[in-house]
Amino acid sequence: MIDLNSIDGWFTQIIELYKKDPNSVYNTWFAKDSRLKYFRSIRKGITKVIDEIEKGSFGNDFKGSSLESVLQSISEQKEVFQGASHAFIWKPKLRIPDIYENEENKRAFGAFLEACLQGQSETSLLKEVDKLANRKIKGLGPAVANILYFLHPTIFPPFNTAMVEGFNLLFQQKIKLGSWESYLFMREIINQVNKAYIRELSKDLGMVTGLLFEVGTGEIQPPLSSGIVVKMDEEKIRKYLDKRSSSTSMMNKEENAHQEQQYLLAKLGWALGYDVWIAVNDHGKEYGREKLGRQSLKVFPALPYPQEVVDTAKLIDVIWFKKNTNDIEAVFEVENTTSIYSGILRMYDLSLSLGRKQVCYLVAPKNREKEILAQVRRPSFHDLADMELRYLFFEEICDHCEAMCKFGNDKGVLDKLAKDCC
């Protein structure tokens, strides 16, 4: 543990810097409600991994597996999780991580994921971590924490190189990246600090580890009052800042394109006589200086399903309802650069929960067509017959929205543009 008096005062300053920086992962990732919809889809993806391991259909490679899909969704959670999949990629010459060819290790990994998926108490979950660590599976280290975070964000912090470097710098430690012992020690100190500064931070450990990430990359420097001497690699920091500035600019463009599609789909839905819902977390966003919430129902229609299903539905990008009812006519997930896999999984989950075949549309740029087809052909989606999945292109919606609004009568107007995924 650390002496909290040693960081008293200056740690609050560094939190304020973190929150105020518009380009920090706090503002570009953690504070955005859109990240929350990934938690449920990642949980569902982990369920598929467990199921395939139990049935013996998981395979002996990372590529093309359900685990790859899960890690892809995690890696796309902005730059803070980039590289999360690297530790799980099968390296045949080194035979690591040894959870693909070694059936005993594979089953142990599946059992671990299931126990963590079902577990709730911190004590029981830490016992499962100890069991996995004690097996000493070659190449399977604390990178697993990036999966655990999405199962239990208030218990397990994520773990990567930049976070470790930020942690070592701020708290004057020397922990190693690939050690379970180091991860668990780091977790204890993170929890200690997080509890002490809970008013400025969050129960969700993604916030404090995002701060460590920013310090580790050199973006945020400890204040002079901390007495911490930073050995700065000016060239490395400059390249990182240039990359982050470019990334933020690109992200803003992508977000605008995403909001444009939501706006056009909402406009079309109303013109065709449907009630339209736009994802609740996007109501405050703007397109053409107009709040997207103005194009949406103010109150989500009451659905006779469990609350977790309703909560998932509220985060779907656009839903068309039959006028003055709670009958869903069409579901749209807009995927500009985010995970195609996660978008399919959210709609598929909703379709299964509704208990009937649902018309679902992926909306993406033309240059993602091959990716869409590759994803739907994954073994994970062999039973997509439970929903009617089609895809639409950004470019064609932009080109034909006005004409469809003018001449269309119902959702059938999309038939000439929509393409079947099978």
Protein backbone atom coordinates (compact mmCIF):
# COMPACT_ATOMS: atom_id res chain seq x y z
CA MET A 1 0.00 0.00 0.00
CA ILE A 2 1.00 3.63 -0.28
CA ASP A 3 0.94 6.56 2.11
CA LEU A 4 -1.99 8.67 0.89
CA ASN A 5 -0.47 11.71 2.57
CA SER A 6 2.30 11.54 -0.04
CA ILE A 7 -0.14 12.39 -2.84
CA ASP A 8 -2.44 14.68 -0.86
CA GLY A 9 -3.17 17.90 -2.72
CA TRP A 10 -1.34 17.33 -5.99
CA PHE A 11 -3.34 14.23 -6.95
CA THR A 12 -6.51 16.33 -7.00
CA GLN A 13 -4.72 18.72 -9.36
CA ILE A 14 -3.84 15.94 -11.77
CA ILE A 15 -7.43 14.68 -11.77
CA GLU A 16 -8.60 18.18 -12.70
CA LEU A 17 -6.09 18.33 -15.57
CA TYR A 18 -7.38 14.96 -16.77
CA LYS A 19 -11.01 16.06 -16.72
CA LYS A 20 -10.41 19.43 -18.36
CA ASP A 21 -8.34 18.16 -21.29
CA PRO A 22 -10.86 17.76 -24.17
CA ASN A 23 -8.58 15.21 -25.84
CA SER A 24 -8.06 13.01 -22.77
CA VAL A 25 -9.55 9.51 -22.67
CA TYR A 26 -11.83 10.79 -19.94
CA ASN A 27 -13.59 13.07 -22.44
CA THR A 28 -13.17 10.97 -25.58
CA TRP A 29 -14.10 7.63 -24.00
CA PHE A 30 -15.01 7.37 -20.33
CA ALA A 31 -17.53 10.24 -20.11
CA LYS A 32 -19.33 9.14 -23.29
CA ASP A 33 -22.50 7.12 -22.66
CA SER A 34 -21.98 5.31 -25.97
CA ARG A 35 -19.28 3.13 -24.37
CA LEU A 36 -21.87 1.54 -22.07
CA LYS A 37 -23.60 -0.35 -24.87
CA TYR A 38 -20.41 -2.34 -25.43
CA PHE A 39 -20.50 -3.89 -21.96
CA ARG A 40 -23.56 -6.03 -22.67
CA SER A 41 -22.40 -7.09 -26.15
CA ILE A 42 -18.96 -8.03 -24.82
CA ARG A 43 -20.61 -10.08 -22.07
CA LYS A 44 -22.67 -11.84 -24.73
CA GLY A 45 -19.52 -12.47 -26.75
CA ILE A 46 -17.80 -14.01 -23.73
CA THR A 47 -20.81 -16.29 -23.30
CA LYS A 48 -20.20 -17.53 -26.85
CA VAL A 49 -16.53 -18.21 -26.05
CA ILE A 50 -17.54 -20.27 -23.01
CA ASP A 51 -20.19 -22.16 -24.98
CA GLU A 52 -17.79 -23.03 -27.81
CA ILE A 53 -15.12 -24.26 -25.39
CA GLU A 54 -17.68 -26.44 -23.60
CA LYS A 55 -18.95 -27.89 -26.89
CA GLY A 56 -15.45 -28.47 -28.25
CA SER A 57 -15.99 -26.18 -31.23
CA PHE A 58 -13.67 -23.35 -30.17
CA GLY A 59 -10.84 -24.40 -32.47
CA ASN A 60 -7.08 -24.13 -32.11
CA ASP A 61 -6.36 -20.59 -33.24
CA PHE A 62 -7.23 -17.05 -32.21
CA LYS A 63 -7.98 -15.93 -35.76
CA GLY A 64 -11.63 -16.41 -36.65
CA SER A 65 -12.58 -17.43 -33.10
CA SER A 66 -15.29 -15.94 -30.91
CA LEU A 67 -12.49 -14.75 -28.61
CA GLU A 68 -11.04 -12.67 -31.46
CA SER A 69 -14.44 -10.99 -31.88
CA VAL A 70 -14.59 -10.14 -28.18
CA LEU A 71 -11.07 -8.69 -28.16
CA GLN A 72 -11.79 -6.75 -31.35
CA SER A 73 -14.73 -5.07 -29.62
CA ILE A 74 -12.55 -4.27 -26.61
CA SER A 75 -9.69 -2.94 -28.75
CA GLU A 76 -12.04 -0.51 -30.47
CA GLN A 77 -12.81 1.25 -27.19
CA LYS A 78 -10.65 4.18 -28.27
CA GLU A 79 -6.88 4.29 -27.88
CA VAL A 80 -6.87 3.29 -24.22
CA PHE A 81 -7.57 -0.34 -25.21
CA GLN A 82 -5.62 -0.51 -28.46
CA GLY A 83 -3.49 -3.60 -28.45
CA ALA A 84 -5.74 -5.51 -26.03
CA SER A 85 -5.86 -8.43 -28.46
CA HIS A 86 -2.08 -8.78 -28.91
CA ALA A 87 -1.58 -11.01 -25.89
CA PHE A 88 -4.22 -13.46 -27.15
CA ILE A 89 -3.00 -13.85 -30.73
CA TRP A 90 -1.71 -17.41 -31.20
CA LYS A 91 2.05 -17.45 -31.68
CA PRO A 92 2.72 -20.99 -32.97
CA LYS A 93 6.53 -20.85 -32.75
CA LEU A 94 6.38 -19.92 -29.08
CA ARG A 95 3.26 -21.99 -28.37
CA ILE A 96 1.67 -19.04 -26.55
CA PRO A 97 -0.80 -18.33 -25.17
CA ASP A 98 -1.25 -22.02 -24.49
CA ILE A 99 -5.08 -22.06 -24.58
CA TYR A 100 -5.56 -23.19 -28.17
CA GLU A 101 -3.73 -26.50 -28.65
CA ASN A 102 -3.71 -27.55 -24.98
CA GLU A 103 -7.25 -28.80 -24.31
CA GLU A 104 -6.82 -28.85 -20.53
CA ASN A 105 -5.71 -25.22 -20.48
CA LYS A 106 -8.47 -24.28 -22.89
CA ARG A 107 -11.12 -25.82 -20.63
CA ALA A 108 -9.55 -24.14 -17.58
CA PHE A 109 -9.71 -20.77 -19.36
CA GLY A 110 -13.36 -21.38 -20.29
CA ALA A 111 -14.21 -22.36 -16.72
CA PHE A 112 -12.47 -19.23 -15.46
CA LEU A 113 -14.47 -16.99 -17.83
CA GLU A 114 -17.73 -18.66 -16.82
CA ALA A 115 -16.97 -18.31 -13.11
CA CYS A 116 -16.16 -14.62 -13.58
CA LEU A 117 -19.23 -14.09 -15.76
CA GLN A 118 -21.48 -15.58 -13.08
CA GLY A 119 -19.60 -14.38 -10.00
CA GLN A 120 -20.53 -11.21 -8.13
CA SER A 121 -18.54 -10.97 -4.91
CA GLU A 122 -15.03 -9.55 -4.98
CA THR A 123 -13.74 -12.37 -2.78
CA SER A 124 -15.01 -15.15 -5.04
CA LEU A 125 -13.77 -13.41 -8.17
CA LEU A 126 -10.28 -12.93 -6.76
CA LYS A 127 -10.20 -16.64 -5.88
CA GLU A 128 -10.86 -17.42 -9.54
CA VAL A 129 -8.03 -15.12 -10.59
CA ASP A 130 -5.71 -16.87 -8.12
CA LYS A 131 -6.73 -20.28 -9.52
CA LEU A 132 -5.98 -19.18 -13.08
CA ALA A 133 -2.67 -17.54 -12.10
CA ASN A 134 -1.59 -20.66 -10.17
CA ARG A 135 -2.06 -22.80 -13.29
CA LYS A 136 0.77 -20.77 -14.84
CA ILE A 137 -0.56 -21.20 -18.35
CA LYS A 138 2.27 -20.21 -20.66
CA GLY A 139 1.67 -16.78 -22.21
CA LEU A 140 -1.65 -16.16 -20.44
CA GLY A 141 -0.94 -13.25 -18.13
CA PRO A 142 -2.84 -10.29 -16.67
CA ALA A 143 -3.88 -9.02 -20.10
CA VAL A 144 -6.98 -11.07 -19.21
CA ALA A 145 -7.84 -8.10 -16.97
CA ASN A 146 -8.98 -6.22 -20.06
CA ILE A 147 -11.74 -8.82 -20.38
CA LEU A 148 -12.48 -8.84 -16.65
CA TYR A 149 -12.94 -5.05 -16.68
CA PHE A 150 -15.93 -5.36 -19.01
CA LEU A 151 -17.47 -7.98 -16.73
CA HIS A 152 -16.83 -6.19 -13.42
CA PRO A 153 -15.73 -2.57 -14.00
CA THR A 154 -15.89 -1.67 -10.30
CA ILE A 155 -13.67 -4.60 -9.27
CA PHE A 156 -11.04 -5.11 -11.98
CA PRO A 157 -9.02 -2.30 -13.59
CA PRO A 158 -7.75 -2.85 -17.13
CA PHE A 159 -4.02 -3.38 -17.65
CA ASN A 160 -1.59 -2.31 -20.37
CA THR A 161 1.92 -0.87 -20.84
CA ALA A 162 0.96 2.81 -20.62
CA MET A 163 -1.14 2.23 -17.49
CA VAL A 164 1.74 0.41 -15.81
CA GLU A 165 4.17 3.19 -16.73
CA GLY A 166 1.76 5.83 -15.40
CA PHE A 167 1.20 3.83 -12.22
CA ASN A 168 4.94 3.36 -11.59
CA LEU A 169 5.62 7.06 -12.16
CA LEU A 170 2.83 8.47 -9.96
CA PHE A 171 3.21 6.04 -7.08
CA GLN A 172 6.98 5.45 -7.36
CA GLN A 173 6.67 1.69 -7.93
CA LYS A 174 8.48 -0.79 -10.16
CA ILE A 175 5.86 -3.35 -11.12
CA LYS A 176 6.26 -5.52 -14.23
CA LEU A 177 3.81 -5.79 -17.10
CA GLY A 178 3.43 -9.56 -17.47
CA SER A 179 3.11 -10.59 -13.83
CA TRP A 180 -0.16 -11.56 -12.14
CA GLU A 181 1.41 -10.64 -8.80
CA SER A 182 2.20 -7.17 -10.13
CA TYR A 183 -1.31 -6.74 -11.49
CA LEU A 184 -2.95 -7.71 -8.19
CA PHE A 185 -0.60 -5.39 -6.27
CA MET A 186 -1.37 -2.57 -8.72
CA ARG A 187 -5.09 -3.29 -8.34
CA GLU A 188 -4.88 -2.93 -4.54
CA ILE A 189 -3.20 0.47 -4.76
CA ILE A 190 -5.60 1.66 -7.47
CA ASN A 191 -8.54 0.71 -5.23
CA GLN A 192 -6.95 2.43 -2.25
CA VAL A 193 -6.45 5.67 -4.20
CA ASN A 194 -9.83 5.43 -5.93
CA LYS A 195 -11.67 5.14 -2.62
CA ALA A 196 -9.75 8.06 -1.15
CA TYR A 197 -10.65 10.29 -4.13
CA ILE A 198 -14.03 8.79 -4.99
CA ARG A 199 -15.71 12.23 -5.13
CA GLU A 200 -13.43 13.28 -7.96
CA LEU A 201 -13.23 9.85 -9.59
CA SER A 202 -15.76 7.04 -10.14
CA LYS A 203 -16.60 3.57 -8.86
CA ASP A 204 -15.92 2.47 -12.45
CA LEU A 205 -12.16 1.86 -12.47
CA GLY A 206 -11.95 2.81 -16.13
CA MET A 207 -11.76 6.44 -15.06
CA VAL A 208 -8.71 6.21 -12.81
CA THR A 209 -6.87 3.80 -15.12
CA GLY A 210 -7.56 6.21 -17.99
CA LEU A 211 -5.70 8.80 -15.93
CA LEU A 212 -2.78 6.40 -15.45
CA PHE A 213 -2.79 5.81 -19.21
CA GLU A 214 -2.51 9.55 -19.89
CA VAL A 215 0.40 9.88 -17.46
CA GLY A 216 2.07 6.81 -18.95
CA THR A 217 1.91 8.24 -22.47
CA GLY A 218 3.34 11.55 -21.25
CA GLU A 219 0.24 13.57 -22.11
CA ILE A 220 -0.40 14.55 -18.48
CA GLN A 221 2.58 15.49 -16.30
CA PRO A 222 2.63 15.31 -12.48
CA PRO A 223 2.53 18.86 -11.04
CA LEU A 224 5.75 20.32 -9.64
CA SER A 225 4.31 20.07 -6.11
CA SER A 226 4.42 16.27 -6.41
CA GLY A 227 8.21 16.31 -6.39
CA ILE A 228 8.19 13.66 -9.14
CA VAL A 229 10.96 14.07 -11.67
CA VAL A 230 9.90 13.02 -15.15
CA LYS A 231 12.50 11.88 -17.65
CA MET A 232 10.86 13.13 -20.81
CA ASP A 233 11.46 11.67 -24.24
CA GLU A 234 10.51 14.83 -26.12
CA GLU A 235 10.37 13.18 -29.54
CA LYS A 236 8.23 10.28 -28.30
CA ILE A 237 5.80 12.65 -26.58
CA ARG A 238 5.63 14.93 -29.63
CA LYS A 239 4.76 12.00 -31.90
CA TYR A 240 2.12 10.83 -29.46
CA LEU A 241 0.55 14.31 -29.22
CA ASP A 242 0.48 14.63 -33.02
CA LYS A 243 -1.14 11.21 -33.29
CA ARG A 244 -3.70 12.01 -30.61
CA SER A 245 -4.59 15.37 -32.15
CA SER A 246 -5.09 13.69 -35.52
CA SER A 247 -7.10 10.90 -33.88
CA THR A 248 -9.38 13.39 -32.12
CA SER A 249 -9.98 15.28 -35.36
CA MET A 250 -10.82 12.04 -37.18
CA MET A 251 -13.09 10.93 -34.33
CA ASN A 252 -15.06 14.19 -34.57
CA LYS A 253 -15.56 13.63 -38.31
CA GLU A 254 -16.67 10.06 -37.72
CA GLU A 255 -19.09 11.13 -35.00
CA ASN A 256 -20.61 13.72 -37.30
CA ALA A 257 -21.11 11.07 -40.02
CA HIS A 258 -22.73 8.78 -37.45
CA GLN A 259 -25.11 11.52 -36.34
CA GLU A 260 -25.94 12.37 -39.94
CA GLN A 261 -27.13 8.80 -40.53
CA GLN A 262 -29.21 8.80 -37.35
CA TYR A 263 -30.79 12.09 -38.41
CA LEU A 264 -31.61 10.85 -41.93
CA LEU A 265 -33.01 7.51 -40.70
CA ALA A 266 -35.17 9.37 -38.18
CA LYS A 267 -36.37 11.79 -40.85
CA LEU A 268 -37.22 8.88 -43.15
CA GLY A 269 -38.98 6.96 -40.39
CA TRP A 270 -41.28 9.86 -39.53
CA ALA A 271 -42.00 10.47 -43.24
CA LEU A 272 -43.03 6.82 -43.65
CA GLY A 273 -45.47 7.10 -40.75
CA TYR A 274 -43.50 5.44 -37.97
CA ASP A 275 -42.66 6.65 -34.50
CA VAL A 276 -38.89 6.97 -34.19
CA TRP A 277 -36.54 6.43 -31.28
CA ILE A 278 -32.91 7.59 -31.35
CA ALA A 279 -30.44 6.13 -28.84
CA VAL A 280 -30.98 7.84 -25.51
CA ASN A 281 -27.30 8.71 -25.13
CA ASP A 282 -27.41 10.61 -28.44
CA HIS A 283 -30.38 12.89 -27.73
CA GLY A 284 -28.09 15.76 -26.78
CA LYS A 285 -25.88 15.45 -29.84
CA GLU A 286 -26.38 17.68 -32.86
CA TYR A 287 -26.56 17.37 -36.60
CA GLY A 288 -26.95 20.52 -38.66
CA ARG A 289 -27.27 22.52 -35.43
CA GLU A 290 -30.32 20.51 -34.43
CA LYS A 291 -30.42 18.24 -31.38
CA LEU A 292 -31.02 14.63 -32.38
CA GLY A 293 -33.47 14.38 -29.50
CA ARG A 294 -35.85 16.60 -31.47
CA GLN A 295 -36.11 13.83 -34.06
CA SER A 296 -36.89 11.19 -31.44
CA LEU A 297 -39.78 10.14 -29.24
CA LYS A 298 -39.31 11.78 -25.86
CA VAL A 299 -40.30 8.67 -23.93
CA PHE A 300 -39.29 5.15 -24.90
CA PRO A 301 -42.38 2.96 -25.50
CA ALA A 302 -43.10 0.54 -22.66
CA LEU A 303 -41.93 -2.95 -23.61
CA PRO A 304 -43.10 -6.09 -21.76
CA TYR A 305 -39.57 -7.41 -21.30
CA PRO A 306 -36.93 -7.51 -18.53
CA GLN A 307 -35.32 -4.17 -17.72
CA GLU A 308 -31.94 -5.22 -19.10
CA VAL A 309 -33.57 -5.85 -22.50
CA VAL A 310 -35.25 -2.43 -22.38
CA ASP A 311 -31.97 -0.78 -21.39
CA THR A 312 -30.25 -2.42 -24.37
CA ALA A 313 -33.02 -1.34 -26.74
CA LYS A 314 -32.75 2.27 -25.58
CA LEU A 315 -29.12 2.31 -26.76
CA ILE A 316 -29.84 1.03 -30.29
CA ASP A 317 -28.98 3.84 -32.71
CA VAL A 318 -32.42 4.10 -34.37
CA ILE A 319 -35.67 2.14 -33.94
CA TRP A 320 -38.88 2.51 -35.94
CA PHE A 321 -42.09 1.71 -34.07
CA LYS A 322 -45.55 1.20 -35.54
CA LYS A 323 -47.40 4.46 -34.93
CA ASN A 324 -48.69 4.92 -31.36
CA THR A 325 -47.66 1.37 -30.34
CA ASN A 326 -44.69 -0.46 -28.84
CA ASP A 327 -44.40 -2.76 -31.89
CA ILE A 328 -40.88 -2.57 -33.34
CA GLU A 329 -40.87 -2.41 -37.13
CA ALA A 330 -37.17 -1.98 -37.85
CA VAL A 331 -33.88 -1.66 -35.97
CA PHE A 332 -30.78 0.19 -37.20
CA GLU A 333 -27.21 0.12 -35.91
CA VAL A 334 -24.89 2.69 -37.47
CA GLU A 335 -21.31 1.41 -37.66
CA ASN A 336 -18.95 3.99 -39.10
CA THR A 337 -15.68 2.70 -37.65
CA THR A 338 -16.87 0.85 -34.54
CA SER A 339 -17.22 -2.91 -34.23
CA ILE A 340 -19.47 -4.58 -36.80
CA TYR A 341 -19.48 -7.60 -34.49
CA SER A 342 -20.83 -5.60 -31.54
CA GLY A 343 -23.53 -4.00 -33.69
CA ILE A 344 -24.75 -7.38 -34.93
CA LEU A 345 -24.64 -8.82 -31.44
CA ARG A 346 -26.74 -5.99 -29.96
CA MET A 347 -29.44 -6.38 -32.59
CA TYR A 348 -29.34 -10.17 -32.41
CA ASP A 349 -29.67 -10.04 -28.64
CA LEU A 350 -32.68 -7.73 -28.95
CA SER A 351 -34.28 -9.96 -31.59
CA LEU A 352 -33.91 -13.04 -29.40
CA SER A 353 -35.27 -11.16 -26.38
CA LEU A 354 -38.34 -10.08 -28.34
CA GLY A 355 -39.04 -13.70 -29.20
CA ARG A 356 -39.75 -13.07 -32.88
CA LYS A 357 -37.83 -12.55 -36.09
CA GLN A 358 -36.82 -8.91 -36.23
CA VAL A 359 -35.89 -6.80 -39.26
CA CYS A 360 -32.44 -5.40 -38.46
CA TYR A 361 -30.18 -3.19 -40.55
CA LEU A 362 -26.46 -2.53 -40.28
CA VAL A 363 -25.70 0.93 -41.68
CA ALA A 364 -22.10 1.45 -42.75
CA PRO A 365 -19.89 3.07 -45.40
CA LYS A 366 -19.42 1.09 -48.64
CA ASN A 367 -15.79 0.42 -47.81
CA ARG A 368 -16.89 -1.79 -44.89
CA GLU A 369 -18.91 -4.25 -47.00
CA LYS A 370 -16.24 -6.97 -46.95
CA GLU A 371 -15.95 -6.61 -43.19
CA ILE A 372 -19.71 -6.96 -42.75
CA LEU A 373 -19.80 -10.15 -44.81
CA ALA A 374 -16.76 -11.55 -42.99
CA GLN A 375 -18.38 -10.95 -39.61
CA VAL A 376 -21.74 -12.54 -40.43
CA ARG A 377 -19.95 -15.64 -41.71
CA ARG A 378 -18.28 -16.20 -38.36
CA PRO A 379 -19.25 -19.46 -36.61
CA SER A 380 -20.48 -17.27 -33.75
CA PHE A 381 -23.36 -16.16 -35.98
CA HIS A 382 -24.28 -19.50 -37.55
CA ASP A 383 -27.83 -19.13 -36.19
CA LEU A 384 -28.55 -15.65 -37.58
CA ALA A 385 -31.72 -17.14 -39.05
CA ASP A 386 -33.36 -15.94 -35.83
CA MET A 387 -33.31 -12.42 -37.25
CA GLU A 388 -33.57 -10.82 -40.68
CA LEU A 389 -30.25 -9.01 -41.02
CA ARG A 390 -29.56 -6.67 -43.92
CA TYR A 391 -27.17 -3.80 -44.54
CA LEU A 392 -27.35 -0.30 -45.99
CA PHE A 393 -24.66 2.09 -47.18
CA PHE A 394 -24.16 5.61 -45.80
CA GLU A 395 -23.69 6.97 -49.31
CA GLU A 396 -26.99 5.59 -50.64
CA ILE A 397 -29.01 6.82 -47.67
CA CYS A 398 -27.58 10.31 -48.22
CA ASP A 399 -28.33 10.14 -51.97
CA HIS A 400 -31.87 8.76 -51.75
CA CYS A 401 -33.32 9.89 -48.41
CA GLU A 402 -35.35 12.76 -49.90
CA ALA A 403 -36.84 10.58 -52.65
CA MET A 404 -37.73 7.81 -50.18
CA CYS A 405 -39.39 10.35 -47.87
CA LYS A 406 -41.44 11.67 -50.80
CA PHE A 407 -42.45 8.43 -52.54
CA GLY A 408 -42.18 5.72 -49.89
CA ASN A 409 -45.13 4.23 -48.02
CA ASP A 410 -43.46 1.94 -45.48
CA LYS A 411 -40.18 0.22 -44.66
CA GLY A 412 -40.44 -1.65 -47.96
CA VAL A 413 -38.95 1.46 -49.58
CA LEU A 414 -35.58 0.27 -48.24
CA ASP A 415 -35.74 -3.00 -50.21
CA LYS A 416 -34.06 -1.58 -53.30
CA LEU A 417 -31.12 -0.31 -51.23
CA ALA A 418 -30.77 -2.98 -48.55
CA LYS A 419 -28.56 -6.01 -49.17
CA ASP A 420 -28.94 -9.41 -47.59
CA CYS A 421 -26.12 -10.58 -45.36
CA CYS A 422 -26.43 -14.23 -46.39
